[in-house]
Amino acid sequence: MILVPAAVPRTAPAFRRLIDPFHLPSVHGGLTVETLPPGVRVEQHPSRVAESVTVVLSGRIRSAGRVLGPGEGLYHPPGSSCGITALPGAPAAVLTVRPRAVADDRPAPLPYPVPLGPPRPTAPDAPTAPATPAAGTVPAARRAGEAGPSGEAGPVQPEPGAAGRIAGSAGMEVRWLATADTVGARRLTVAASTFAVGGGHDLHRHPHADEFFLVMSGGGGHLTETAEVPLRAGDLVFVPAGEWHGFRTGPAGPTAALYGYLGASSLTGAGYQVRPADVPEVA
């Protein structure tokens, strides 16, 4: 695992490469974070052959004719570009997620940013449907099921498995934001999760994709096979494909996180294996 403490710069302007494929050839993509002073506009020029997602972490921005707040974002098909303007009041911080391009990637049919619209609840092993970008945006950082600025709560991804829960998890809710199903993603997944007090996720791994996990609020411990690494709000963990990892919420309160996969456009594509020793036997 790679731990990036205090991943989001507190001063503006600032640009930081959190995970850089140029220096880490084995990873499936890269992560960058940028903070903009109020009123400043920058042009984002995603790769002509690779898709990406931009998510607002703090402050507010105007982009593609929309005002976006924390947890809202845009999916950029290959070849698309857009301007981002930090609105008055406070600096704005944005996270950009971009997987590596591969030979069989093809430009998406819509060469402009797609808002991360309300996802449809589906089981991770369900077949993906053609992308149908919906109007509006879904805050990723708020608690799952909580009403957003327009009053809608938005659907919460049911956790599959016994009693509707992901095997090996407790007190965990997931909201899928950018997937093959929601925006037509090819090689990336972005989601938001919330953990209740005492909740967590036992050791598990994804054989086909890297995972990033950015703590938005709260905190707890990142679990490895041999240790528990403390995580606070603003810390980011990057987990290479195939590495065992988990999470345990701290006692102070619930935890909200932004996370996703590089190299797969769904949980099914990333693969999901729970370490057997961490799953209690069912009588």
C-alpha atoms as a PDB file:
ATOM      1  CA  MET A   1       0.000   0.000   0.000  1.00  0.00           C
ATOM      2  CA  ILE A   2       0.960   3.640  -0.467  1.00  0.00           C
ATOM      3  CA  LEU A   3      -0.139   6.107   2.206  1.00  0.00           C
ATOM      4  CA  VAL A   4      -0.459   9.779   1.227  1.00  0.00           C
ATOM      5  CA  PRO A   5      -1.123  11.744   4.435  1.00  0.00           C
ATOM      6  CA  ALA A   6      -2.914  15.097   4.156  1.00  0.00           C
ATOM      7  CA  ALA A   7      -3.334  14.444   0.442  1.00  0.00           C
ATOM      8  CA  VAL A   8      -5.267  17.626  -0.321  1.00  0.00           C
ATOM      9  CA  PRO A   9      -3.195  20.869  -0.286  1.00  0.00           C
ATOM     10  CA  ARG A  10      -4.587  23.519   2.058  1.00  0.00           C
ATOM     11  CA  THR A  11      -3.151  26.458   0.151  1.00  0.00           C
ATOM     12  CA  ALA A  12      -4.016  27.706  -3.316  1.00  0.00           C
ATOM     13  CA  PRO A  13      -2.915  27.567  -6.002  1.00  0.00           C
ATOM     14  CA  ALA A  14      -1.415  24.100  -5.706  1.00  0.00           C
ATOM     15  CA  PHE A  15      -1.119  20.995  -7.849  1.00  0.00           C
ATOM     16  CA  ARG A  16      -0.041  17.605  -6.528  1.00  0.00           C
ATOM     17  CA  ARG A  17       0.461  14.233  -8.168  1.00  0.00           C
ATOM     18  CA  LEU A  18      -0.702  11.728  -5.572  1.00  0.00           C
ATOM     19  CA  ILE A  19      -0.076   8.621  -7.677  1.00  0.00           C
ATOM     20  CA  ASP A  20       2.099   9.082 -10.760  1.00  0.00           C
ATOM     21  CA  PRO A  21       2.260   6.225 -13.318  1.00  0.00           C
ATOM     22  CA  PHE A  22       5.472   7.710 -14.722  1.00  0.00           C
ATOM     23  CA  HIS A  23       7.270   6.884 -11.468  1.00  0.00           C
ATOM     24  CA  LEU A  24       5.172   3.807 -10.676  1.00  0.00           C
ATOM     25  CA  PRO A  25       5.028   1.816 -13.927  1.00  0.00           C
ATOM     26  CA  SER A  26       3.090  -1.064 -12.359  1.00  0.00           C
ATOM     27  CA  VAL A  27      -0.007   0.940 -11.382  1.00  0.00           C
ATOM     28  CA  HIS A  28      -3.194   1.006 -13.472  1.00  0.00           C
ATOM     29  CA  GLY A  29      -3.562   4.787 -13.494  1.00  0.00           C
ATOM     30  CA  GLY A  30      -2.898   8.062 -11.709  1.00  0.00           C
ATOM     31  CA  LEU A  31      -4.426  10.494  -9.216  1.00  0.00           C
ATOM     32  CA  THR A  32      -3.888  14.239  -9.023  1.00  0.00           C
ATOM     33  CA  VAL A  33      -5.329  16.931  -6.760  1.00  0.00           C
ATOM     34  CA  GLU A  34      -5.494  20.651  -7.432  1.00  0.00           C
ATOM     35  CA  THR A  35      -6.607  23.639  -5.349  1.00  0.00           C
ATOM     36  CA  LEU A  36      -7.743  26.834  -7.051  1.00  0.00           C
ATOM     37  CA  PRO A  37      -8.094  30.315  -5.542  1.00  0.00           C
ATOM     38  CA  PRO A  38     -11.596  31.845  -5.761  1.00  0.00           C
ATOM     39  CA  GLY A  39     -12.319  33.221  -9.222  1.00  0.00           C
ATOM     40  CA  VAL A  40      -9.483  31.350 -10.964  1.00  0.00           C
ATOM     41  CA  ARG A  41     -10.241  29.321 -14.074  1.00  0.00           C
ATOM     42  CA  VAL A  42      -8.172  26.438 -15.424  1.00  0.00           C
ATOM     43  CA  GLU A  43      -8.615  24.323 -18.523  1.00  0.00           C
ATOM     44  CA  GLN A  44      -8.697  20.570 -18.124  1.00  0.00           C
ATOM     45  CA  HIS A  45      -7.476  18.681 -21.165  1.00  0.00           C
ATOM     46  CA  PRO A  46      -8.006  14.962 -20.560  1.00  0.00           C
ATOM     47  CA  SER A  47      -6.090  12.502 -22.707  1.00  0.00           C
ATOM     48  CA  ARG A  48      -7.287  11.893 -26.252  1.00  0.00           C
ATOM     49  CA  VAL A  49      -7.277   8.162 -25.564  1.00  0.00           C
ATOM     50  CA  ALA A  50      -7.983   7.882 -21.832  1.00  0.00           C
ATOM     51  CA  GLU A  51     -11.088   8.724 -19.823  1.00  0.00           C
ATOM     52  CA  SER A  52     -11.044  10.481 -16.444  1.00  0.00           C
ATOM     53  CA  VAL A  53     -13.236  11.699 -13.589  1.00  0.00           C
ATOM     54  CA  THR A  54     -12.962  15.017 -11.733  1.00  0.00           C
ATOM     55  CA  VAL A  55     -14.572  15.209  -8.264  1.00  0.00           C
ATOM     56  CA  VAL A  56     -14.895  18.332  -6.099  1.00  0.00           C
ATOM     57  CA  LEU A  57     -13.399  17.784  -2.650  1.00  0.00           C
ATOM     58  CA  SER A  58     -14.016  21.229  -1.155  1.00  0.00           C
ATOM     59  CA  GLY A  59     -15.331  24.620  -2.228  1.00  0.00           C
ATOM     60  CA  ARG A  60     -17.478  25.081  -5.324  1.00  0.00           C
ATOM     61  CA  ILE A  61     -16.682  25.183  -9.025  1.00  0.00           C
ATOM     62  CA  ARG A  62     -18.484  26.061 -12.230  1.00  0.00           C
ATOM     63  CA  SER A  63     -17.909  23.665 -15.108  1.00  0.00           C
ATOM     64  CA  ALA A  64     -19.840  22.539 -18.182  1.00  0.00           C
ATOM     65  CA  GLY A  65     -22.630  24.979 -17.317  1.00  0.00           C
ATOM     66  CA  ARG A  66     -23.105  23.579 -13.807  1.00  0.00           C
ATOM     67  CA  VAL A  67     -22.216  24.613 -10.292  1.00  0.00           C
ATOM     68  CA  LEU A  68     -20.691  21.661  -8.451  1.00  0.00           C
ATOM     69  CA  GLY A  69     -20.028  21.286  -4.735  1.00  0.00           C
ATOM     70  CA  PRO A  70     -18.143  18.763  -2.587  1.00  0.00           C
ATOM     71  CA  GLY A  71     -18.645  15.223  -3.750  1.00  0.00           C
ATOM     72  CA  GLU A  72     -20.055  16.192  -7.140  1.00  0.00           C
ATOM     73  CA  GLY A  73     -18.086  15.720 -10.315  1.00  0.00           C
ATOM     74  CA  LEU A  74     -17.805  15.099 -14.032  1.00  0.00           C
ATOM     75  CA  TYR A  75     -16.883  12.095 -16.139  1.00  0.00           C
ATOM     76  CA  HIS A  76     -14.643  12.990 -19.100  1.00  0.00           C
ATOM     77  CA  PRO A  77     -14.823  10.638 -22.101  1.00  0.00           C
ATOM     78  CA  PRO A  78     -11.589  10.282 -24.074  1.00  0.00           C
ATOM     79  CA  GLY A  79     -10.785  13.427 -26.011  1.00  0.00           C
ATOM     80  CA  SER A  80     -13.115  15.736 -24.075  1.00  0.00           C
ATOM     81  CA  SER A  81     -12.047  18.923 -22.321  1.00  0.00           C
ATOM     82  CA  CYS A  82     -13.635  21.561 -20.109  1.00  0.00           C
ATOM     83  CA  GLY A  83     -12.911  24.639 -18.050  1.00  0.00           C
ATOM     84  CA  ILE A  84     -13.149  24.742 -14.262  1.00  0.00           C
ATOM     85  CA  THR A  85     -13.704  27.974 -12.365  1.00  0.00           C
ATOM     86  CA  ALA A  86     -13.474  28.215  -8.564  1.00  0.00           C
ATOM     87  CA  LEU A  87     -16.430  30.247  -7.320  1.00  0.00           C
ATOM     88  CA  PRO A  88     -16.026  33.136  -4.842  1.00  0.00           C
ATOM     89  CA  GLY A  89     -15.899  32.404  -1.146  1.00  0.00           C
ATOM     90  CA  ALA A  90     -13.156  29.840  -0.646  1.00  0.00           C
ATOM     91  CA  PRO A  91     -10.519  27.879  -2.581  1.00  0.00           C
ATOM     92  CA  ALA A  92     -11.779  24.824  -4.425  1.00  0.00           C
ATOM     93  CA  ALA A  93     -10.007  21.460  -4.394  1.00  0.00           C
ATOM     94  CA  VAL A  94     -10.602  18.823  -7.072  1.00  0.00           C
ATOM     95  CA  LEU A  95      -9.410  15.235  -7.426  1.00  0.00           C
ATOM     96  CA  THR A  96      -8.809  13.814 -10.908  1.00  0.00           C
ATOM     97  CA  VAL A  97      -8.800  10.044 -11.478  1.00  0.00           C
ATOM     98  CA  ARG A  98      -7.366   8.744 -14.751  1.00  0.00           C
ATOM     99  CA  PRO A  99      -6.661   5.116 -15.686  1.00  0.00           C
ATOM    100  CA  ARG A 100      -3.992   4.087 -18.137  1.00  0.00           C
ATOM    101  CA  ALA A 101      -5.091   3.891 -21.741  1.00  0.00           C
ATOM    102  CA  VAL A 102      -4.720   0.563 -23.509  1.00  0.00           C
ATOM    103  CA  ALA A 103      -4.613  -0.392 -27.166  1.00  0.00           C
ATOM    104  CA  ASP A 104      -8.285  -1.356 -27.497  1.00  0.00           C
ATOM    105  CA  ASP A 105      -9.687   1.859 -25.971  1.00  0.00           C
ATOM    106  CA  ARG A 106     -11.944   3.790 -28.315  1.00  0.00           C
ATOM    107  CA  PRO A 107     -13.241   7.357 -28.028  1.00  0.00           C
ATOM    108  CA  ALA A 108     -16.612   7.581 -26.303  1.00  0.00           C
ATOM    109  CA  PRO A 109     -19.563   8.730 -28.435  1.00  0.00           C
ATOM    110  CA  LEU A 110     -20.044  11.888 -26.347  1.00  0.00           C
ATOM    111  CA  PRO A 111     -16.944  14.148 -26.560  1.00  0.00           C
ATOM    112  CA  TYR A 112     -17.877  16.320 -23.583  1.00  0.00           C
ATOM    113  CA  PRO A 113     -18.076  15.947 -19.779  1.00  0.00           C
ATOM    114  CA  VAL A 114     -20.939  13.907 -18.321  1.00  0.00           C
ATOM    115  CA  PRO A 115     -22.275  14.798 -14.836  1.00  0.00           C
ATOM    116  CA  LEU A 116     -22.133  12.009 -12.290  1.00  0.00           C
ATOM    117  CA  GLY A 117     -25.872  11.412 -12.252  1.00  0.00           C
ATOM    118  CA  PRO A 118     -28.067   9.386  -9.878  1.00  0.00           C
ATOM    119  CA  PRO A 119     -26.920   5.756 -10.097  1.00  0.00           C
ATOM    120  CA  ARG A 120     -29.316   2.857 -10.336  1.00  0.00           C
ATOM    121  CA  PRO A 121     -29.071   0.234  -7.555  1.00  0.00           C
ATOM    122  CA  THR A 122     -27.632  -2.974  -8.974  1.00  0.00           C
ATOM    123  CA  ALA A 123     -25.867  -5.965  -7.513  1.00  0.00           C
ATOM    124  CA  PRO A 124     -22.130  -6.037  -8.290  1.00  0.00           C
ATOM    125  CA  ASP A 125     -22.531  -9.256 -10.295  1.00  0.00           C
ATOM    126  CA  ALA A 126     -25.431  -7.911 -12.354  1.00  0.00           C
ATOM    127  CA  PRO A 127     -24.780  -7.264 -16.063  1.00  0.00           C
ATOM    128  CA  THR A 128     -24.068  -3.657 -16.867  1.00  0.00           C
ATOM    129  CA  ALA A 129     -26.587  -1.702 -18.929  1.00  0.00           C
ATOM    130  CA  PRO A 130     -25.762   0.865 -21.614  1.00  0.00           C
ATOM    131  CA  ALA A 131     -24.772   4.185 -20.129  1.00  0.00           C
ATOM    132  CA  THR A 132     -27.646   6.626 -19.656  1.00  0.00           C
ATOM    133  CA  PRO A 133     -26.232   9.837 -18.180  1.00  0.00           C
ATOM    134  CA  ALA A 134     -28.906  11.425 -15.994  1.00  0.00           C
ATOM    135  CA  ALA A 135     -29.458  15.095 -15.380  1.00  0.00           C
ATOM    136  CA  GLY A 136     -28.235  16.518 -12.098  1.00  0.00           C
ATOM    137  CA  THR A 137     -25.408  15.449  -9.858  1.00  0.00           C
ATOM    138  CA  VAL A 138     -25.113  13.305  -6.778  1.00  0.00           C
ATOM    139  CA  PRO A 139     -23.065  14.485  -3.783  1.00  0.00           C
ATOM    140  CA  ALA A 140     -20.584  11.753  -2.955  1.00  0.00           C
ATOM    141  CA  ALA A 141     -19.326  13.091   0.363  1.00  0.00           C
ATOM    142  CA  ARG A 142     -22.628  13.339   2.217  1.00  0.00           C
ATOM    143  CA  ARG A 143     -24.012  10.413   4.179  1.00  0.00           C
ATOM    144  CA  ALA A 144     -25.709   7.810   2.016  1.00  0.00           C
ATOM    145  CA  GLY A 145     -29.425   8.454   1.745  1.00  0.00           C
ATOM    146  CA  GLU A 146     -29.192  12.041   3.038  1.00  0.00           C
ATOM    147  CA  ALA A 147     -31.025  14.635   0.981  1.00  0.00           C
ATOM    148  CA  GLY A 148     -28.874  16.743  -1.315  1.00  0.00           C
ATOM    149  CA  PRO A 149     -29.170  20.430  -2.260  1.00  0.00           C
ATOM    150  CA  SER A 150     -32.231  19.789  -4.427  1.00  0.00           C
ATOM    151  CA  GLY A 151     -33.922  17.701  -1.736  1.00  0.00           C
ATOM    152  CA  GLU A 152     -33.478  14.301  -3.374  1.00  0.00           C
ATOM    153  CA  ALA A 153     -31.832  11.535  -1.427  1.00  0.00           C
ATOM    154  CA  GLY A 154     -30.785   9.419  -4.383  1.00  0.00           C
ATOM    155  CA  PRO A 155     -30.639   5.621  -4.385  1.00  0.00           C
ATOM    156  CA  VAL A 156     -28.127   3.790  -2.227  1.00  0.00           C
ATOM    157  CA  GLN A 157     -26.280   0.804  -3.631  1.00  0.00           C
ATOM    158  CA  PRO A 158     -27.538  -2.282  -1.789  1.00  0.00           C
ATOM    159  CA  GLU A 159     -24.713  -4.396  -0.469  1.00  0.00           C
ATOM    160  CA  PRO A 160     -24.955  -7.896  -1.918  1.00  0.00           C
ATOM    161  CA  GLY A 161     -24.607 -11.078   0.013  1.00  0.00           C
ATOM    162  CA  ALA A 162     -26.383 -12.480   3.033  1.00  0.00           C
ATOM    163  CA  ALA A 163     -29.094 -10.146   4.338  1.00  0.00           C
ATOM    164  CA  GLY A 164     -28.143  -7.598   1.667  1.00  0.00           C
ATOM    165  CA  ARG A 165     -24.634  -7.044   2.983  1.00  0.00           C
ATOM    166  CA  ILE A 166     -21.256  -7.382   1.298  1.00  0.00           C
ATOM    167  CA  ALA A 167     -19.517 -10.405   2.755  1.00  0.00           C
ATOM    168  CA  GLY A 168     -16.991  -9.261   5.327  1.00  0.00           C
ATOM    169  CA  SER A 169     -18.482  -5.782   5.862  1.00  0.00           C
ATOM    170  CA  ALA A 170     -20.546  -4.203   8.618  1.00  0.00           C
ATOM    171  CA  GLY A 171     -22.267  -0.822   8.867  1.00  0.00           C
ATOM    172  CA  MET A 172     -21.170   0.057   5.334  1.00  0.00           C
ATOM    173  CA  GLU A 173     -23.144   1.741   2.557  1.00  0.00           C
ATOM    174  CA  VAL A 174     -21.955   2.355  -0.997  1.00  0.00           C
ATOM    175  CA  ARG A 175     -23.032   4.850  -3.660  1.00  0.00           C
ATOM    176  CA  TRP A 176     -21.689   4.112  -7.156  1.00  0.00           C
ATOM    177  CA  LEU A 177     -20.949   7.348  -9.040  1.00  0.00           C
ATOM    178  CA  ALA A 178     -18.876   6.602 -12.143  1.00  0.00           C
ATOM    179  CA  THR A 179     -19.127   3.057 -13.486  1.00  0.00           C
ATOM    180  CA  ALA A 180     -19.856   1.319 -16.757  1.00  0.00           C
ATOM    181  CA  ASP A 181     -23.522   1.398 -15.822  1.00  0.00           C
ATOM    182  CA  THR A 182     -23.828   5.057 -14.744  1.00  0.00           C
ATOM    183  CA  VAL A 183     -21.639   6.913 -17.284  1.00  0.00           C
ATOM    184  CA  GLY A 184     -20.220   4.305 -19.641  1.00  0.00           C
ATOM    185  CA  ALA A 185     -16.798   4.154 -17.964  1.00  0.00           C
ATOM    186  CA  ARG A 186     -14.298   1.696 -19.398  1.00  0.00           C
ATOM    187  CA  ARG A 187     -11.412   1.376 -16.947  1.00  0.00           C
ATOM    188  CA  LEU A 188     -12.292   3.317 -13.838  1.00  0.00           C
ATOM    189  CA  THR A 189     -14.797   3.257 -11.004  1.00  0.00           C
ATOM    190  CA  VAL A 190     -15.571   6.056  -8.544  1.00  0.00           C
ATOM    191  CA  ALA A 191     -17.841   5.574  -5.533  1.00  0.00           C
ATOM    192  CA  ALA A 192     -18.617   6.969  -2.102  1.00  0.00           C
ATOM    193  CA  SER A 193     -18.938   4.907   1.046  1.00  0.00           C
ATOM    194  CA  THR A 194     -20.091   5.602   4.579  1.00  0.00           C
ATOM    195  CA  PHE A 195     -19.267   3.546   7.652  1.00  0.00           C
ATOM    196  CA  ALA A 196     -21.330   3.700  10.833  1.00  0.00           C
ATOM    197  CA  VAL A 197     -19.608   3.804  14.212  1.00  0.00           C
ATOM    198  CA  GLY A 198     -18.199   0.323  14.764  1.00  0.00           C
ATOM    199  CA  GLY A 199     -18.463  -0.469  11.068  1.00  0.00           C
ATOM    200  CA  GLY A 200     -15.737  -1.685   8.784  1.00  0.00           C
ATOM    201  CA  HIS A 201     -14.603  -3.972   6.006  1.00  0.00           C
ATOM    202  CA  ASP A 202     -12.578  -7.111   6.678  1.00  0.00           C
ATOM    203  CA  LEU A 203      -9.461  -7.957   4.698  1.00  0.00           C
ATOM    204  CA  HIS A 204     -10.237  -8.413   1.003  1.00  0.00           C
ATOM    205  CA  ARG A 205      -8.552  -7.853  -2.346  1.00  0.00           C
ATOM    206  CA  HIS A 206      -9.258  -6.958  -5.967  1.00  0.00           C
ATOM    207  CA  PRO A 207      -7.132  -9.073  -8.338  1.00  0.00           C
ATOM    208  CA  HIS A 208      -7.746  -6.974 -11.461  1.00  0.00           C
ATOM    209  CA  ALA A 209      -7.639  -3.335 -10.319  1.00  0.00           C
ATOM    210  CA  ASP A 210      -5.861  -0.894  -8.019  1.00  0.00           C
ATOM    211  CA  GLU A 211      -7.961   0.868  -5.368  1.00  0.00           C
ATOM    212  CA  PHE A 212      -7.730   4.353  -3.884  1.00  0.00           C
ATOM    213  CA  PHE A 213      -9.455   5.345  -0.624  1.00  0.00           C
ATOM    214  CA  LEU A 214      -9.660   9.011   0.420  1.00  0.00           C
ATOM    215  CA  VAL A 215     -11.108   9.772   3.856  1.00  0.00           C
ATOM    216  CA  MET A 216     -13.480  12.719   3.510  1.00  0.00           C
ATOM    217  CA  SER A 217     -14.603  12.896   7.148  1.00  0.00           C
ATOM    218  CA  GLY A 218     -14.177  10.837  10.284  1.00  0.00           C
ATOM    219  CA  GLY A 219     -11.324   8.367  10.347  1.00  0.00           C
ATOM    220  CA  GLY A 220     -10.250   4.934  11.465  1.00  0.00           C
ATOM    221  CA  GLY A 221      -7.679   2.343  10.537  1.00  0.00           C
ATOM    222  CA  HIS A 222      -6.505   0.923   7.222  1.00  0.00           C
ATOM    223  CA  LEU A 223      -6.017  -2.815   7.680  1.00  0.00           C
ATOM    224  CA  THR A 224      -3.172  -4.805   6.164  1.00  0.00           C
ATOM    225  CA  GLU A 225      -2.220  -8.433   6.719  1.00  0.00           C
ATOM    226  CA  THR A 226       0.099  -7.445   9.578  1.00  0.00           C
ATOM    227  CA  ALA A 227      -0.910  -4.019  10.895  1.00  0.00           C
ATOM    228  CA  GLU A 228      -3.514  -1.278  11.247  1.00  0.00           C
ATOM    229  CA  VAL A 229      -2.500   2.120   9.858  1.00  0.00           C
ATOM    230  CA  PRO A 230      -4.307   5.155  11.369  1.00  0.00           C
ATOM    231  CA  LEU A 231      -6.242   7.279   8.874  1.00  0.00           C
ATOM    232  CA  ARG A 232      -7.569  10.793   9.389  1.00  0.00           C
ATOM    233  CA  ALA A 233      -9.755  13.027   7.256  1.00  0.00           C
ATOM    234  CA  GLY A 234      -7.742  14.019   4.180  1.00  0.00           C
ATOM    235  CA  ASP A 235      -5.507  10.919   4.142  1.00  0.00           C
ATOM    236  CA  LEU A 236      -5.393   8.761   1.026  1.00  0.00           C
ATOM    237  CA  VAL A 237      -4.441   5.099   0.699  1.00  0.00           C
ATOM    238  CA  PHE A 238      -3.528   3.503  -2.626  1.00  0.00           C
ATOM    239  CA  VAL A 239      -3.757  -0.301  -2.765  1.00  0.00           C
ATOM    240  CA  PRO A 240      -2.171  -2.147  -5.718  1.00  0.00           C
ATOM    241  CA  ALA A 241      -4.159  -4.923  -7.380  1.00  0.00           C
ATOM    242  CA  GLY A 242      -4.136  -8.185  -5.446  1.00  0.00           C
ATOM    243  CA  GLU A 243      -3.081  -6.697  -2.100  1.00  0.00           C
ATOM    244  CA  TRP A 244      -5.120  -7.591   0.993  1.00  0.00           C
ATOM    245  CA  HIS A 245      -6.669  -4.543   2.664  1.00  0.00           C
ATOM    246  CA  GLY A 246      -9.594  -3.485   4.854  1.00  0.00           C
ATOM    247  CA  PHE A 247     -10.918  -0.657   7.010  1.00  0.00           C
ATOM    248  CA  ARG A 248     -12.158  -0.161  10.569  1.00  0.00           C
ATOM    249  CA  THR A 249     -14.029   2.987  11.631  1.00  0.00           C
ATOM    250  CA  GLY A 250     -12.744   4.897  14.640  1.00  0.00           C
ATOM    251  CA  PRO A 251     -14.859   5.412  17.783  1.00  0.00           C
ATOM    252  CA  ALA A 252     -15.400   9.167  17.331  1.00  0.00           C
ATOM    253  CA  GLY A 253     -18.155   8.969  14.735  1.00  0.00           C
ATOM    254  CA  PRO A 254     -19.148   7.750  11.254  1.00  0.00           C
ATOM    255  CA  THR A 255     -16.675   7.904   8.390  1.00  0.00           C
ATOM    256  CA  ALA A 256     -17.264   9.037   4.809  1.00  0.00           C
ATOM    257  CA  ALA A 257     -14.819   8.188   2.038  1.00  0.00           C
ATOM    258  CA  LEU A 258     -14.381   8.648  -1.692  1.00  0.00           C
ATOM    259  CA  TYR A 259     -12.863   5.592  -3.321  1.00  0.00           C
ATOM    260  CA  GLY A 260     -12.610   3.728  -6.564  1.00  0.00           C
ATOM    261  CA  TYR A 261     -10.780   1.351  -8.853  1.00  0.00           C
ATOM    262  CA  LEU A 262      -8.238   1.963 -11.600  1.00  0.00           C
ATOM    263  CA  GLY A 263      -8.307  -0.681 -14.285  1.00  0.00           C
ATOM    264  CA  ALA A 264     -11.953  -1.766 -13.945  1.00  0.00           C
ATOM    265  CA  SER A 265     -15.348  -0.098 -14.408  1.00  0.00           C
ATOM    266  CA  SER A 266     -17.214  -2.072 -11.740  1.00  0.00           C
ATOM    267  CA  LEU A 267     -16.682  -4.143  -8.620  1.00  0.00           C
ATOM    268  CA  THR A 268     -17.240  -7.224 -10.730  1.00  0.00           C
ATOM    269  CA  GLY A 269     -14.502  -6.170 -13.123  1.00  0.00           C
ATOM    270  CA  ALA A 270     -12.100  -5.398 -10.278  1.00  0.00           C
ATOM    271  CA  GLY A 271     -12.798  -8.759  -8.648  1.00  0.00           C
ATOM    272  CA  TYR A 272     -13.715  -9.207  -5.001  1.00  0.00           C
ATOM    273  CA  GLN A 273     -12.192 -11.821  -2.710  1.00  0.00           C
ATOM    274  CA  VAL A 274     -12.577 -11.803   1.074  1.00  0.00           C
ATOM    275  CA  ARG A 275      -9.799 -13.389   3.058  1.00  0.00           C
ATOM    276  CA  PRO A 276     -11.379 -16.597   4.381  1.00  0.00           C
ATOM    277  CA  ALA A 277      -9.991 -16.217   7.901  1.00  0.00           C
ATOM    278  CA  ASP A 278     -11.849 -12.897   8.254  1.00  0.00           C
ATOM    279  CA  VAL A 279     -15.315 -14.235   7.428  1.00  0.00           C
ATOM    280  CA  PRO A 280     -17.125 -15.917  10.344  1.00  0.00           C
ATOM    281  CA  GLU A 281     -18.630 -19.306   9.645  1.00  0.00           C
ATOM    282  CA  VAL A 282     -22.404 -19.410   9.213  1.00  0.00           C
ATOM    283  CA  ALA A 283     -24.105 -21.910  11.492  1.00  0.00           C
END
